[in-house]
Amino acid sequence: MRDVEAGEPSDADVDTIGVHCRLTELLEERGLAVTELSALVGVSPVNLSVLKNDRAKAIRFSTLVAICDVLECEIGDLLVLRRD
């Protein structure tokens, strides 16, 4: 088990944060694949997959803006609160 710095959520807490990334839906609507978005944004496909699968713990604002620019969407279209 890895150590977690104070204030950083553990792996168990990530699912309870309540933020959902709609990257899958937005890519489907635009007919893009993760690999294509990766090339356009300059982020590895692995990192985009982590984001897409709601496993990301953080995202740089510059990455967020780049994704939204390419997908022609707003931040609120990409990231939404999960209301379970």
PDB file of N, CA and C in Angstrom:
ATOM      1  N   MET A   1       0.837  -1.170   0.000  1.00  0.00           N
ATOM      2  CA  MET A   1       0.000   0.000   0.000  1.00  0.00           C
ATOM      3  C   MET A   1       0.887   1.239   0.000  1.00  0.00           C
ATOM      4  N   ARG A   2       0.567   2.221  -0.819  1.00  0.00           N
ATOM      5  CA  ARG A   2       1.397   3.414  -0.899  1.00  0.00           C
ATOM      6  C   ARG A   2       0.953   4.451   0.122  1.00  0.00           C
ATOM      7  N   ASP A   3       1.914   5.272   0.533  1.00  0.00           N
ATOM      8  CA  ASP A   3       1.596   6.340   1.472  1.00  0.00           C
ATOM      9  C   ASP A   3       0.875   7.458   0.742  1.00  0.00           C
ATOM     10  N   VAL A   4      -0.018   8.113   1.454  1.00  0.00           N
ATOM     11  CA  VAL A   4      -0.773   9.230   0.900  1.00  0.00           C
ATOM     12  C   VAL A   4      -0.434  10.470   1.704  1.00  0.00           C
ATOM     13  N   GLU A   5      -0.073  11.548   0.994  1.00  0.00           N
ATOM     14  CA  GLU A   5       0.232  12.797   1.681  1.00  0.00           C
ATOM     15  C   GLU A   5      -1.025  13.364   2.308  1.00  0.00           C
ATOM     16  N   ALA A   6      -0.852  14.110   3.374  1.00  0.00           N
ATOM     17  CA  ALA A   6      -1.991  14.740   4.050  1.00  0.00           C
ATOM     18  C   ALA A   6      -2.752  15.599   3.058  1.00  0.00           C
ATOM     19  N   GLY A   7      -4.055  15.465   3.062  1.00  0.00           N
ATOM     20  CA  GLY A   7      -4.904  16.270   2.202  1.00  0.00           C
ATOM     21  C   GLY A   7      -5.161  15.670   0.838  1.00  0.00           C
ATOM     22  N   GLU A   8      -4.367  14.699   0.427  1.00  0.00           N
ATOM     23  CA  GLU A   8      -4.568  14.051  -0.864  1.00  0.00           C
ATOM     24  C   GLU A   8      -5.507  12.870  -0.678  1.00  0.00           C
ATOM     25  N   PRO A   9      -6.535  12.751  -1.528  1.00  0.00           N
ATOM     26  CA  PRO A   9      -7.460  11.629  -1.357  1.00  0.00           C
ATOM     27  C   PRO A   9      -6.787  10.301  -1.652  1.00  0.00           C
ATOM     28  N   SER A  10      -7.159   9.279  -0.920  1.00  0.00           N
ATOM     29  CA  SER A  10      -6.648   7.937  -1.188  1.00  0.00           C
ATOM     30  C   SER A  10      -7.394   7.355  -2.385  1.00  0.00           C
ATOM     31  N   ASP A  11      -6.918   6.216  -2.885  1.00  0.00           N
ATOM     32  CA  ASP A  11      -7.599   5.567  -4.003  1.00  0.00           C
ATOM     33  C   ASP A  11      -9.049   5.252  -3.659  1.00  0.00           C
ATOM     34  N   ALA A  12      -9.307   4.896  -2.411  1.00  0.00           N
ATOM     35  CA  ALA A  12     -10.667   4.574  -1.986  1.00  0.00           C
ATOM     36  C   ALA A  12     -11.556   5.807  -1.996  1.00  0.00           C
ATOM     37  N   ASP A  13     -10.971   6.993  -1.762  1.00  0.00           N
ATOM     38  CA  ASP A  13     -11.755   8.226  -1.718  1.00  0.00           C
ATOM     39  C   ASP A  13     -12.093   8.763  -3.103  1.00  0.00           C
ATOM     40  N   VAL A  14     -11.339   8.389  -4.124  1.00  0.00           N
ATOM     41  CA  VAL A  14     -11.540   8.961  -5.452  1.00  0.00           C
ATOM     42  C   VAL A  14     -12.959   8.727  -5.942  1.00  0.00           C
ATOM     43  N   ASP A  15     -13.509   7.550  -5.701  1.00  0.00           N
ATOM     44  CA  ASP A  15     -14.857   7.251  -6.163  1.00  0.00           C
ATOM     45  C   ASP A  15     -15.919   8.056  -5.426  1.00  0.00           C
ATOM     46  N   THR A  16     -15.604   8.586  -4.277  1.00  0.00           N
ATOM     47  CA  THR A  16     -16.607   9.309  -3.502  1.00  0.00           C
ATOM     48  C   THR A  16     -16.550  10.815  -3.720  1.00  0.00           C
ATOM     49  N   ILE A  17     -15.566  11.298  -4.487  1.00  0.00           N
ATOM     50  CA  ILE A  17     -15.434  12.732  -4.706  1.00  0.00           C
ATOM     51  C   ILE A  17     -16.646  13.281  -5.449  1.00  0.00           C
ATOM     52  N   GLY A  18     -17.174  12.545  -6.399  1.00  0.00           N
ATOM     53  CA  GLY A  18     -18.393  12.952  -7.075  1.00  0.00           C
ATOM     54  C   GLY A  18     -18.199  13.752  -8.341  1.00  0.00           C
ATOM     55  N   VAL A  19     -17.035  13.703  -8.975  1.00  0.00           N
ATOM     56  CA  VAL A  19     -16.818  14.378 -10.245  1.00  0.00           C
ATOM     57  C   VAL A  19     -16.771  13.319 -11.343  1.00  0.00           C
ATOM     58  N   HIS A  20     -17.562  13.539 -12.375  1.00  0.00           N
ATOM     59  CA  HIS A  20     -17.604  12.615 -13.513  1.00  0.00           C
ATOM     60  C   HIS A  20     -17.095  13.339 -14.750  1.00  0.00           C
ATOM     61  N   CYS A  21     -16.214  12.701 -15.487  1.00  0.00           N
ATOM     62  CA  CYS A  21     -15.700  13.245 -16.740  1.00  0.00           C
ATOM     63  C   CYS A  21     -16.514  12.668 -17.896  1.00  0.00           C
ATOM     64  N   ARG A  22     -17.074  13.538 -18.699  1.00  0.00           N
ATOM     65  CA  ARG A  22     -17.921  13.135 -19.831  1.00  0.00           C
ATOM     66  C   ARG A  22     -17.121  12.995 -21.129  1.00  0.00           C
ATOM     67  N   LEU A  23     -15.835  12.704 -21.012  1.00  0.00           N
ATOM     68  CA  LEU A  23     -14.981  12.630 -22.191  1.00  0.00           C
ATOM     69  C   LEU A  23     -15.453  11.572 -23.185  1.00  0.00           C
ATOM     70  N   THR A  24     -15.884  10.441 -22.707  1.00  0.00           N
ATOM     71  CA  THR A  24     -16.377   9.381 -23.599  1.00  0.00           C
ATOM     72  C   THR A  24     -17.526   9.879 -24.456  1.00  0.00           C
ATOM     73  N   GLU A  25     -18.502  10.510 -23.820  1.00  0.00           N
ATOM     74  CA  GLU A  25     -19.669  11.007 -24.540  1.00  0.00           C
ATOM     75  C   GLU A  25     -19.288  12.089 -25.550  1.00  0.00           C
ATOM     76  N   LEU A  26     -18.418  13.015 -25.133  1.00  0.00           N
ATOM     77  CA  LEU A  26     -18.023  14.105 -26.023  1.00  0.00           C
ATOM     78  C   LEU A  26     -17.219  13.595 -27.211  1.00  0.00           C
ATOM     79  N   LEU A  27     -16.350  12.617 -26.989  1.00  0.00           N
ATOM     80  CA  LEU A  27     -15.592  12.035 -28.093  1.00  0.00           C
ATOM     81  C   LEU A  27     -16.522  11.334 -29.084  1.00  0.00           C
ATOM     82  N   GLU A  28     -17.496  10.590 -28.569  1.00  0.00           N
ATOM     83  CA  GLU A  28     -18.452   9.893 -29.442  1.00  0.00           C
ATOM     84  C   GLU A  28     -19.255  10.882 -30.270  1.00  0.00           C
ATOM     85  N   GLU A  29     -19.726  11.959 -29.629  1.00  0.00           N
ATOM     86  CA  GLU A  29     -20.515  12.974 -30.339  1.00  0.00           C
ATOM     87  C   GLU A  29     -19.718  13.619 -31.472  1.00  0.00           C
ATOM     88  N   ARG A  30     -18.404  13.718 -31.310  1.00  0.00           N
ATOM     89  CA  ARG A  30     -17.563  14.390 -32.290  1.00  0.00           C
ATOM     90  C   ARG A  30     -16.844  13.413 -33.223  1.00  0.00           C
ATOM     91  N   GLY A  31     -17.044  12.130 -33.015  1.00  0.00           N
ATOM     92  CA  GLY A  31     -16.432  11.120 -33.870  1.00  0.00           C
ATOM     93  C   GLY A  31     -14.916  11.061 -33.735  1.00  0.00           C
ATOM     94  N   LEU A  32     -14.415  11.343 -32.533  1.00  0.00           N
ATOM     95  CA  LEU A  32     -12.973  11.321 -32.277  1.00  0.00           C
ATOM     96  C   LEU A  32     -12.600  10.135 -31.397  1.00  0.00           C
ATOM     97  N   ALA A  33     -11.394   9.662 -31.563  1.00  0.00           N
ATOM     98  CA  ALA A  33     -10.846   8.621 -30.694  1.00  0.00           C
ATOM     99  C   ALA A  33      -9.890   9.276 -29.697  1.00  0.00           C
ATOM    100  N   VAL A  34      -9.618   8.580 -28.609  1.00  0.00           N
ATOM    101  CA  VAL A  34      -8.693   9.086 -27.593  1.00  0.00           C
ATOM    102  C   VAL A  34      -7.328   9.376 -28.219  1.00  0.00           C
ATOM    103  N   THR A  35      -6.890   8.525 -29.131  1.00  0.00           N
ATOM    104  CA  THR A  35      -5.578   8.732 -29.756  1.00  0.00           C
ATOM    105  C   THR A  35      -5.546  10.012 -30.587  1.00  0.00           C
ATOM    106  N   GLU A  36      -6.640  10.317 -31.259  1.00  0.00           N
ATOM    107  CA  GLU A  36      -6.715  11.560 -32.029  1.00  0.00           C
ATOM    108  C   GLU A  36      -6.698  12.777 -31.105  1.00  0.00           C
ATOM    109  N   LEU A  37      -7.483  12.718 -30.040  1.00  0.00           N
ATOM    110  CA  LEU A  37      -7.511  13.817 -29.080  1.00  0.00           C
ATOM    111  C   LEU A  37      -6.135  13.994 -28.450  1.00  0.00           C
ATOM    112  N   SER A  38      -5.485  12.898 -28.156  1.00  0.00           N
ATOM    113  CA  SER A  38      -4.149  12.929 -27.570  1.00  0.00           C
ATOM    114  C   SER A  38      -3.179  13.722 -28.444  1.00  0.00           C
ATOM    115  N   ALA A  39      -3.192  13.447 -29.734  1.00  0.00           N
ATOM    116  CA  ALA A  39      -2.300  14.148 -30.663  1.00  0.00           C
ATOM    117  C   ALA A  39      -2.638  15.629 -30.756  1.00  0.00           C
ATOM    118  N   LEU A  40      -3.918  15.952 -30.734  1.00  0.00           N
ATOM    119  CA  LEU A  40      -4.353  17.348 -30.853  1.00  0.00           C
ATOM    120  C   LEU A  40      -4.088  18.168 -29.598  1.00  0.00           C
ATOM    121  N   VAL A  41      -4.156  17.510 -28.433  1.00  0.00           N
ATOM    122  CA  VAL A  41      -4.021  18.210 -27.154  1.00  0.00           C
ATOM    123  C   VAL A  41      -2.587  18.156 -26.633  1.00  0.00           C
ATOM    124  N   GLY A  42      -1.844  17.112 -26.999  1.00  0.00           N
ATOM    125  CA  GLY A  42      -0.485  16.964 -26.492  1.00  0.00           C
ATOM    126  C   GLY A  42      -0.435  16.299 -25.129  1.00  0.00           C
ATOM    127  N   VAL A  43      -1.398  15.429 -24.866  1.00  0.00           N
ATOM    128  CA  VAL A  43      -1.465  14.656 -23.621  1.00  0.00           C
ATOM    129  C   VAL A  43      -1.461  13.185 -24.014  1.00  0.00           C
ATOM    130  N   SER A  44      -0.770  12.367 -23.251  1.00  0.00           N
ATOM    131  CA  SER A  44      -0.662  10.953 -23.609  1.00  0.00           C
ATOM    132  C   SER A  44      -2.036  10.280 -23.591  1.00  0.00           C
ATOM    133  N   PRO A  45      -2.211   9.283 -24.447  1.00  0.00           N
ATOM    134  CA  PRO A  45      -3.465   8.527 -24.434  1.00  0.00           C
ATOM    135  C   PRO A  45      -3.739   7.886 -23.069  1.00  0.00           C
ATOM    136  N   VAL A  46      -2.688   7.468 -22.386  1.00  0.00           N
ATOM    137  CA  VAL A  46      -2.859   6.864 -21.058  1.00  0.00           C
ATOM    138  C   VAL A  46      -3.457   7.874 -20.093  1.00  0.00           C
ATOM    139  N   ASN A  47      -2.928   9.098 -20.085  1.00  0.00           N
ATOM    140  CA  ASN A  47      -3.462  10.115 -19.185  1.00  0.00           C
ATOM    141  C   ASN A  47      -4.893  10.497 -19.540  1.00  0.00           C
ATOM    142  N   LEU A  48      -5.220  10.541 -20.825  1.00  0.00           N
ATOM    143  CA  LEU A  48      -6.603  10.813 -21.216  1.00  0.00           C
ATOM    144  C   LEU A  48      -7.523   9.673 -20.796  1.00  0.00           C
ATOM    145  N   SER A  49      -7.041   8.451 -20.878  1.00  0.00           N
ATOM    146  CA  SER A  49      -7.850   7.307 -20.442  1.00  0.00           C
ATOM    147  C   SER A  49      -8.116   7.345 -18.949  1.00  0.00           C
ATOM    148  N   VAL A  50      -7.117   7.767 -18.177  1.00  0.00           N
ATOM    149  CA  VAL A  50      -7.308   7.918 -16.729  1.00  0.00           C
ATOM    150  C   VAL A  50      -8.403   8.939 -16.460  1.00  0.00           C
ATOM    151  N   LEU A  51      -8.352  10.047 -17.171  1.00  0.00           N
ATOM    152  CA  LEU A  51      -9.385  11.081 -17.024  1.00  0.00           C
ATOM    153  C   LEU A  51     -10.746  10.560 -17.465  1.00  0.00           C
ATOM    154  N   LYS A  52     -10.770   9.923 -18.610  1.00  0.00           N
ATOM    155  CA  LYS A  52     -12.013   9.396 -19.203  1.00  0.00           C
ATOM    156  C   LYS A  52     -12.699   8.376 -18.302  1.00  0.00           C
ATOM    157  N   ASN A  53     -11.909   7.604 -17.568  1.00  0.00           N
ATOM    158  CA  ASN A  53     -12.453   6.546 -16.718  1.00  0.00           C
ATOM    159  C   ASN A  53     -12.661   6.985 -15.269  1.00  0.00           C
ATOM    160  N   ASP A  54     -12.687   8.307 -15.050  1.00  0.00           N
ATOM    161  CA  ASP A  54     -12.931   8.880 -13.716  1.00  0.00           C
ATOM    162  C   ASP A  54     -11.920   8.420 -12.681  1.00  0.00           C
ATOM    163  N   ARG A  55     -10.686   8.212 -13.095  1.00  0.00           N
ATOM    164  CA  ARG A  55      -9.637   7.785 -12.172  1.00  0.00           C
ATOM    165  C   ARG A  55      -8.638   8.903 -11.880  1.00  0.00           C
ATOM    166  N   ALA A  56      -8.796  10.050 -12.539  1.00  0.00           N
ATOM    167  CA  ALA A  56      -7.864  11.166 -12.329  1.00  0.00           C
ATOM    168  C   ALA A  56      -8.100  11.799 -10.969  1.00  0.00           C
ATOM    169  N   LYS A  57      -7.014  12.166 -10.323  1.00  0.00           N
ATOM    170  CA  LYS A  57      -7.101  12.847  -9.037  1.00  0.00           C
ATOM    171  C   LYS A  57      -6.948  14.352  -9.210  1.00  0.00           C
ATOM    172  N   ALA A  58      -6.402  14.763 -10.346  1.00  0.00           N
ATOM    173  CA  ALA A  58      -6.186  16.179 -10.616  1.00  0.00           C
ATOM    174  C   ALA A  58      -6.036  16.361 -12.122  1.00  0.00           C
ATOM    175  N   ILE A  59      -6.212  17.600 -12.575  1.00  0.00           N
ATOM    176  CA  ILE A  59      -5.977  17.935 -13.979  1.00  0.00           C
ATOM    177  C   ILE A  59      -5.436  19.356 -14.016  1.00  0.00           C
ATOM    178  N   ARG A  60      -4.449  19.591 -14.841  1.00  0.00           N
ATOM    179  CA  ARG A  60      -3.906  20.939 -14.999  1.00  0.00           C
ATOM    180  C   ARG A  60      -4.923  21.785 -15.754  1.00  0.00           C
ATOM    181  N   PHE A  61      -5.008  23.057 -15.361  1.00  0.00           N
ATOM    182  CA  PHE A  61      -5.916  23.959 -16.059  1.00  0.00           C
ATOM    183  C   PHE A  61      -5.553  24.056 -17.539  1.00  0.00           C
ATOM    184  N   SER A  62      -4.274  24.054 -17.858  1.00  0.00           N
ATOM    185  CA  SER A  62      -3.854  24.155 -19.260  1.00  0.00           C
ATOM    186  C   SER A  62      -4.336  22.945 -20.065  1.00  0.00           C
ATOM    187  N   THR A  63      -4.321  21.769 -19.444  1.00  0.00           N
ATOM    188  CA  THR A  63      -4.827  20.562 -20.109  1.00  0.00           C
ATOM    189  C   THR A  63      -6.330  20.640 -20.279  1.00  0.00           C
ATOM    190  N   LEU A  64      -7.011  21.093 -19.246  1.00  0.00           N
ATOM    191  CA  LEU A  64      -8.459  21.239 -19.293  1.00  0.00           C
ATOM    192  C   LEU A  64      -8.874  22.195 -20.406  1.00  0.00           C
ATOM    193  N   VAL A  65      -8.196  23.327 -20.503  1.00  0.00           N
ATOM    194  CA  VAL A  65      -8.500  24.319 -21.540  1.00  0.00           C
ATOM    195  C   VAL A  65      -8.206  23.742 -22.921  1.00  0.00           C
ATOM    196  N   ALA A  66      -7.094  23.032 -23.071  1.00  0.00           N
ATOM    197  CA  ALA A  66      -6.733  22.450 -24.364  1.00  0.00           C
ATOM    198  C   ALA A  66      -7.778  21.432 -24.824  1.00  0.00           C
ATOM    199  N   ILE A  67      -8.231  20.581 -23.912  1.00  0.00           N
ATOM    200  CA  ILE A  67      -9.264  19.591 -24.250  1.00  0.00           C
ATOM    201  C   ILE A  67     -10.551  20.303 -24.673  1.00  0.00           C
ATOM    202  N   CYS A  68     -10.950  21.299 -23.902  1.00  0.00           N
ATOM    203  CA  CYS A  68     -12.186  22.032 -24.223  1.00  0.00           C
ATOM    204  C   CYS A  68     -12.065  22.777 -25.547  1.00  0.00           C
ATOM    205  N   ASP A  69     -10.880  23.335 -25.838  1.00  0.00           N
ATOM    206  CA  ASP A  69     -10.677  24.017 -27.122  1.00  0.00           C
ATOM    207  C   ASP A  69     -10.849  23.054 -28.285  1.00  0.00           C
ATOM    208  N   VAL A  70     -10.226  21.879 -28.186  1.00  0.00           N
ATOM    209  CA  VAL A  70     -10.307  20.895 -29.272  1.00  0.00           C
ATOM    210  C   VAL A  70     -11.732  20.371 -29.424  1.00  0.00           C
ATOM    211  N   LEU A  71     -12.402  20.103 -28.303  1.00  0.00           N
ATOM    212  CA  LEU A  71     -13.761  19.555 -28.352  1.00  0.00           C
ATOM    213  C   LEU A  71     -14.828  20.630 -28.527  1.00  0.00           C
ATOM    214  N   GLU A  72     -14.391  21.899 -28.528  1.00  0.00           N
ATOM    215  CA  GLU A  72     -15.311  23.032 -28.656  1.00  0.00           C
ATOM    216  C   GLU A  72     -16.439  22.926 -27.644  1.00  0.00           C
ATOM    217  N   CYS A  73     -16.032  22.817 -26.375  1.00  0.00           N
ATOM    218  CA  CYS A  73     -16.998  22.705 -25.289  1.00  0.00           C
ATOM    219  C   CYS A  73     -16.564  23.562 -24.118  1.00  0.00           C
ATOM    220  N   GLU A  74     -17.420  23.675 -23.145  1.00  0.00           N
ATOM    221  CA  GLU A  74     -17.116  24.378 -21.910  1.00  0.00           C
ATOM    222  C   GLU A  74     -16.653  23.369 -20.861  1.00  0.00           C
ATOM    223  N   ILE A  75     -15.981  23.852 -19.846  1.00  0.00           N
ATOM    224  CA  ILE A  75     -15.507  22.975 -18.775  1.00  0.00           C
ATOM    225  C   ILE A  75     -16.675  22.204 -18.157  1.00  0.00           C
ATOM    226  N   GLY A  76     -17.808  22.864 -17.991  1.00  0.00           N
ATOM    227  CA  GLY A  76     -18.991  22.225 -17.418  1.00  0.00           C
ATOM    228  C   GLY A  76     -19.601  21.153 -18.309  1.00  0.00           C
ATOM    229  N   ASP A  77     -19.257  21.166 -19.592  1.00  0.00           N
ATOM    230  CA  ASP A  77     -19.702  20.092 -20.489  1.00  0.00           C
ATOM    231  C   ASP A  77     -18.842  18.852 -20.298  1.00  0.00           C
ATOM    232  N   LEU A  78     -17.592  19.070 -19.895  1.00  0.00           N
ATOM    233  CA  LEU A  78     -16.638  17.976 -19.734  1.00  0.00           C
ATOM    234  C   LEU A  78     -16.687  17.369 -18.334  1.00  0.00           C
ATOM    235  N   LEU A  79     -16.714  18.214 -17.309  1.00  0.00           N
ATOM    236  CA  LEU A  79     -16.712  17.759 -15.930  1.00  0.00           C
ATOM    237  C   LEU A  79     -18.033  18.118 -15.266  1.00  0.00           C
ATOM    238  N   VAL A  80     -18.681  17.126 -14.693  1.00  0.00           N
ATOM    239  CA  VAL A  80     -19.954  17.352 -14.016  1.00  0.00           C
ATOM    240  C   VAL A  80     -19.934  16.683 -12.639  1.00  0.00           C
ATOM    241  N   LEU A  81     -20.745  17.210 -11.743  1.00  0.00           N
ATOM    242  CA  LEU A  81     -20.880  16.574 -10.427  1.00  0.00           C
ATOM    243  C   LEU A  81     -21.752  15.345 -10.541  1.00  0.00           C
ATOM    244  N   ARG A  82     -21.321  14.279  -9.945  1.00  0.00           N
ATOM    245  CA  ARG A  82     -22.108  13.046  -9.916  1.00  0.00           C
ATOM    246  C   ARG A  82     -23.049  13.151  -8.736  1.00  0.00           C
ATOM    247  N   ARG A  83     -24.299  13.027  -8.973  1.00  0.00           N
ATOM    248  CA  ARG A  83     -25.316  13.127  -7.923  1.00  0.00           C
ATOM    249  C   ARG A  83     -25.938  11.763  -7.691  1.00  0.00           C
ATOM    250  N   ASP A  84     -25.261  10.956  -6.877  1.00  0.00           N
ATOM    251  CA  ASP A  84     -25.756   9.584  -6.599  1.00  0.00           C
ATOM    252  C   ASP A  84     -26.752   9.561  -5.491  1.00  0.00           C
TER     253      ASP A  84
END
